[in-house]
N, C-alpha and C. Protein backbone atom coordinates (compact mmCIF):
# COMPACT_ATOMS: atom_id res chain seq x y z
N MET A 1 0.81 -1.20 0.00
CA MET A 1 0.00 0.00 0.00
C MET A 1 0.86 1.26 0.00
N GLY A 2 2.04 1.16 0.59
CA GLY A 2 2.91 2.31 0.64
C GLY A 2 3.39 2.73 -0.74
N VAL A 3 3.76 1.76 -1.57
CA VAL A 3 4.24 2.06 -2.92
C VAL A 3 3.11 2.66 -3.75
N ILE A 4 1.92 2.10 -3.62
CA ILE A 4 0.77 2.62 -4.36
C ILE A 4 0.49 4.07 -3.95
N SER A 5 0.58 4.34 -2.66
CA SER A 5 0.33 5.70 -2.17
C SER A 5 1.39 6.68 -2.68
N VAL A 6 2.64 6.25 -2.72
CA VAL A 6 3.71 7.13 -3.22
C VAL A 6 3.50 7.42 -4.70
N LEU A 7 3.21 6.39 -5.49
CA LEU A 7 2.95 6.60 -6.91
C LEU A 7 1.72 7.48 -7.14
N TRP A 8 0.70 7.26 -6.33
CA TRP A 8 -0.53 8.07 -6.41
C TRP A 8 -0.20 9.53 -6.09
N GLY A 9 0.65 9.75 -5.07
CA GLY A 9 1.05 11.10 -4.70
C GLY A 9 1.86 11.79 -5.78
N ILE A 10 2.76 11.04 -6.42
CA ILE A 10 3.56 11.63 -7.51
C ILE A 10 2.65 12.03 -8.66
N LEU A 11 1.71 11.15 -9.02
CA LEU A 11 0.77 11.49 -10.09
C LEU A 11 -0.09 12.69 -9.71
N SER A 12 -0.50 12.76 -8.46
CA SER A 12 -1.30 13.91 -8.00
C SER A 12 -0.52 15.20 -8.08
N LEU A 13 0.75 15.16 -7.68
CA LEU A 13 1.57 16.38 -7.74
C LEU A 13 1.82 16.81 -9.18
N LEU A 14 2.07 15.85 -10.06
CA LEU A 14 2.25 16.19 -11.47
C LEU A 14 0.98 16.80 -12.05
N TRP A 15 -0.16 16.24 -11.67
CA TRP A 15 -1.45 16.76 -12.11
C TRP A 15 -1.68 18.16 -11.56
N ALA A 16 -1.27 18.39 -10.30
CA ALA A 16 -1.42 19.71 -9.69
C ALA A 16 -0.55 20.74 -10.41
N MET A 17 0.66 20.35 -10.78
CA MET A 17 1.54 21.28 -11.48
C MET A 17 0.99 21.58 -12.88
N LEU A 18 0.41 20.59 -13.53
CA LEU A 18 -0.20 20.79 -14.84
C LEU A 18 -1.38 21.75 -14.73
N ALA A 19 -2.10 21.68 -13.62
CA ALA A 19 -3.28 22.53 -13.43
C ALA A 19 -2.91 23.98 -13.16
N PHE A 20 -1.62 24.30 -12.96
CA PHE A 20 -1.21 25.69 -12.80
C PHE A 20 -1.15 26.42 -14.14
N ILE A 21 -1.19 25.67 -15.23
CA ILE A 21 -1.19 26.29 -16.56
C ILE A 21 -2.54 26.98 -16.75
N PRO A 22 -2.53 28.22 -17.23
CA PRO A 22 -3.80 28.92 -17.44
C PRO A 22 -4.75 28.10 -18.33
N LEU A 23 -6.00 28.15 -18.02
CA LEU A 23 -7.10 27.45 -18.67
C LEU A 23 -7.14 25.95 -18.36
N LEU A 24 -6.21 25.45 -17.52
CA LEU A 24 -6.25 24.05 -17.10
C LEU A 24 -6.52 23.93 -15.60
N GLY A 25 -6.91 25.03 -14.98
CA GLY A 25 -7.20 25.02 -13.55
C GLY A 25 -8.37 24.15 -13.18
N TRP A 26 -9.24 23.85 -14.13
CA TRP A 26 -10.37 22.97 -13.87
C TRP A 26 -9.91 21.57 -13.48
N GLY A 27 -8.67 21.22 -13.82
CA GLY A 27 -8.13 19.91 -13.46
C GLY A 27 -8.02 19.70 -11.97
N ASN A 28 -7.99 20.79 -11.20
CA ASN A 28 -7.92 20.67 -9.74
C ASN A 28 -9.18 20.04 -9.18
N TRP A 29 -10.32 20.25 -9.83
CA TRP A 29 -11.56 19.66 -9.34
C TRP A 29 -11.52 18.14 -9.43
N PHE A 30 -10.70 17.59 -10.33
CA PHE A 30 -10.56 16.14 -10.45
C PHE A 30 -9.36 15.63 -9.68
N MET A 31 -8.32 16.47 -9.54
CA MET A 31 -7.10 16.07 -8.86
C MET A 31 -7.30 15.96 -7.35
N ILE A 32 -8.07 16.84 -6.76
CA ILE A 32 -8.24 16.83 -5.30
C ILE A 32 -8.89 15.53 -4.82
N PRO A 33 -10.01 15.07 -5.41
CA PRO A 33 -10.54 13.77 -4.96
C PRO A 33 -9.59 12.61 -5.24
N PHE A 34 -8.84 12.69 -6.35
CA PHE A 34 -7.83 11.68 -6.67
C PHE A 34 -6.78 11.61 -5.57
N ALA A 35 -6.32 12.78 -5.11
CA ALA A 35 -5.31 12.83 -4.04
C ALA A 35 -5.89 12.40 -2.70
N VAL A 36 -7.16 12.66 -2.47
CA VAL A 36 -7.80 12.22 -1.22
C VAL A 36 -7.80 10.69 -1.14
N VAL A 37 -8.08 10.04 -2.25
CA VAL A 37 -8.04 8.57 -2.28
C VAL A 37 -6.62 8.08 -2.00
N GLY A 38 -5.62 8.74 -2.57
CA GLY A 38 -4.24 8.37 -2.30
C GLY A 38 -3.86 8.58 -0.85
N ALA A 39 -4.39 9.64 -0.24
CA ALA A 39 -4.12 9.89 1.18
C ALA A 39 -4.77 8.82 2.05
N ILE A 40 -5.95 8.38 1.68
CA ILE A 40 -6.61 7.31 2.42
C ILE A 40 -5.81 6.01 2.31
N ILE A 41 -5.32 5.71 1.12
CA ILE A 41 -4.49 4.52 0.94
C ILE A 41 -3.22 4.63 1.78
N GLY A 42 -2.59 5.81 1.78
CA GLY A 42 -1.40 6.02 2.61
C GLY A 42 -1.69 5.90 4.09
N GLY A 43 -2.85 6.39 4.51
CA GLY A 43 -3.23 6.28 5.92
C GLY A 43 -3.42 4.83 6.34
N PHE A 44 -4.09 4.05 5.49
CA PHE A 44 -4.26 2.63 5.78
C PHE A 44 -2.91 1.92 5.80
N GLY A 45 -2.03 2.28 4.88
CA GLY A 45 -0.70 1.67 4.85
C GLY A 45 0.09 1.99 6.10
N ALA A 46 -0.03 3.21 6.59
CA ALA A 46 0.68 3.59 7.82
C ALA A 46 0.12 2.84 9.03
N LEU A 47 -1.18 2.61 9.03
CA LEU A 47 -1.79 1.86 10.13
C LEU A 47 -1.39 0.39 10.10
N LEU A 48 -1.16 -0.14 8.90
CA LEU A 48 -0.81 -1.55 8.76
C LEU A 48 0.68 -1.83 8.96
N GLY A 49 1.48 -0.79 9.08
CA GLY A 49 2.88 -0.99 9.42
C GLY A 49 3.89 -0.64 8.34
N GLU A 50 3.46 -0.25 7.15
CA GLU A 50 4.40 0.18 6.11
C GLU A 50 4.72 1.66 6.34
N ASN A 51 5.47 1.93 7.36
CA ASN A 51 5.60 3.30 7.85
C ASN A 51 6.24 4.26 6.87
N SER A 52 7.45 3.99 6.40
CA SER A 52 8.18 5.01 5.64
C SER A 52 7.52 5.32 4.30
N ARG A 53 7.20 4.32 3.51
CA ARG A 53 6.59 4.58 2.21
C ARG A 53 5.17 5.11 2.34
N ALA A 54 4.42 4.56 3.23
CA ALA A 54 3.03 5.00 3.40
C ALA A 54 2.98 6.44 3.91
N LYS A 55 3.86 6.78 4.83
CA LYS A 55 3.89 8.17 5.32
C LYS A 55 4.34 9.13 4.23
N ALA A 56 5.30 8.69 3.42
CA ALA A 56 5.75 9.54 2.30
C ALA A 56 4.61 9.75 1.31
N GLY A 57 3.88 8.70 1.00
CA GLY A 57 2.73 8.83 0.11
C GLY A 57 1.65 9.71 0.70
N LEU A 58 1.43 9.58 2.00
CA LEU A 58 0.44 10.42 2.68
C LEU A 58 0.84 11.89 2.60
N VAL A 59 2.11 12.17 2.82
CA VAL A 59 2.59 13.56 2.76
C VAL A 59 2.47 14.10 1.34
N LEU A 60 2.83 13.31 0.33
CA LEU A 60 2.73 13.76 -1.06
C LEU A 60 1.28 14.07 -1.44
N ASN A 61 0.38 13.22 -1.02
CA ASN A 61 -1.03 13.44 -1.35
C ASN A 61 -1.61 14.65 -0.62
N VAL A 62 -1.25 14.83 0.63
CA VAL A 62 -1.72 16.00 1.37
C VAL A 62 -1.15 17.28 0.76
N LEU A 63 0.10 17.22 0.33
CA LEU A 63 0.71 18.37 -0.34
C LEU A 63 -0.03 18.69 -1.64
N ALA A 64 -0.38 17.66 -2.40
CA ALA A 64 -1.12 17.86 -3.64
C ALA A 64 -2.50 18.46 -3.35
N ILE A 65 -3.15 18.00 -2.30
CA ILE A 65 -4.45 18.57 -1.92
C ILE A 65 -4.30 20.04 -1.56
N ALA A 66 -3.27 20.37 -0.79
CA ALA A 66 -3.05 21.77 -0.40
C ALA A 66 -2.77 22.65 -1.62
N ILE A 67 -1.97 22.16 -2.54
CA ILE A 67 -1.68 22.93 -3.76
C ILE A 67 -2.95 23.13 -4.57
N GLY A 68 -3.77 22.08 -4.70
CA GLY A 68 -5.01 22.19 -5.46
C GLY A 68 -5.99 23.16 -4.84
N VAL A 69 -6.14 23.11 -3.53
CA VAL A 69 -7.05 24.05 -2.85
C VAL A 69 -6.53 25.47 -2.97
N PHE A 70 -5.21 25.66 -2.84
CA PHE A 70 -4.62 26.99 -2.99
C PHE A 70 -4.87 27.53 -4.39
N ARG A 71 -4.68 26.68 -5.40
CA ARG A 71 -4.87 27.11 -6.79
C ARG A 71 -6.33 27.46 -7.05
N LEU A 72 -7.23 26.68 -6.50
CA LEU A 72 -8.65 27.00 -6.68
C LEU A 72 -9.02 28.29 -5.96
N THR A 73 -8.39 28.53 -4.83
CA THR A 73 -8.67 29.75 -4.07
C THR A 73 -8.20 30.99 -4.81
N ILE A 74 -6.97 30.96 -5.34
CA ILE A 74 -6.47 32.15 -6.03
C ILE A 74 -7.10 32.34 -7.40
N GLY A 75 -7.60 31.26 -7.97
CA GLY A 75 -8.23 31.35 -9.29
C GLY A 75 -9.71 31.66 -9.24
N GLY A 76 -10.29 31.73 -8.06
CA GLY A 76 -11.70 32.03 -7.92
C GLY A 76 -12.57 30.80 -8.06
N GLY A 77 -11.99 29.60 -7.99
CA GLY A 77 -12.77 28.38 -8.12
C GLY A 77 -13.54 28.02 -6.87
N LEU A 78 -13.08 28.54 -5.73
CA LEU A 78 -13.78 28.32 -4.46
C LEU A 78 -14.38 29.64 -4.03
N ILE A 79 -15.68 29.63 -3.82
CA ILE A 79 -16.33 30.88 -3.42
C ILE A 79 -16.86 30.72 -2.02
């Protein structure tokens, strides 16, 4: 579960960086739930004992969520 969470987090961060391109900010609406699922997987992995990889995946996904929410906030996507 830890490896899946890390890969999920990397994909989420790449998606978040792509969504910083003008006119692609709508991608954050799909990236945030995607990253939430990765964070849940990382949380379960951390509970099951895969500490280092699962925690890294959890951190990557939470970072992606924070970037997505920030981008939606500055772009006027969240009212």
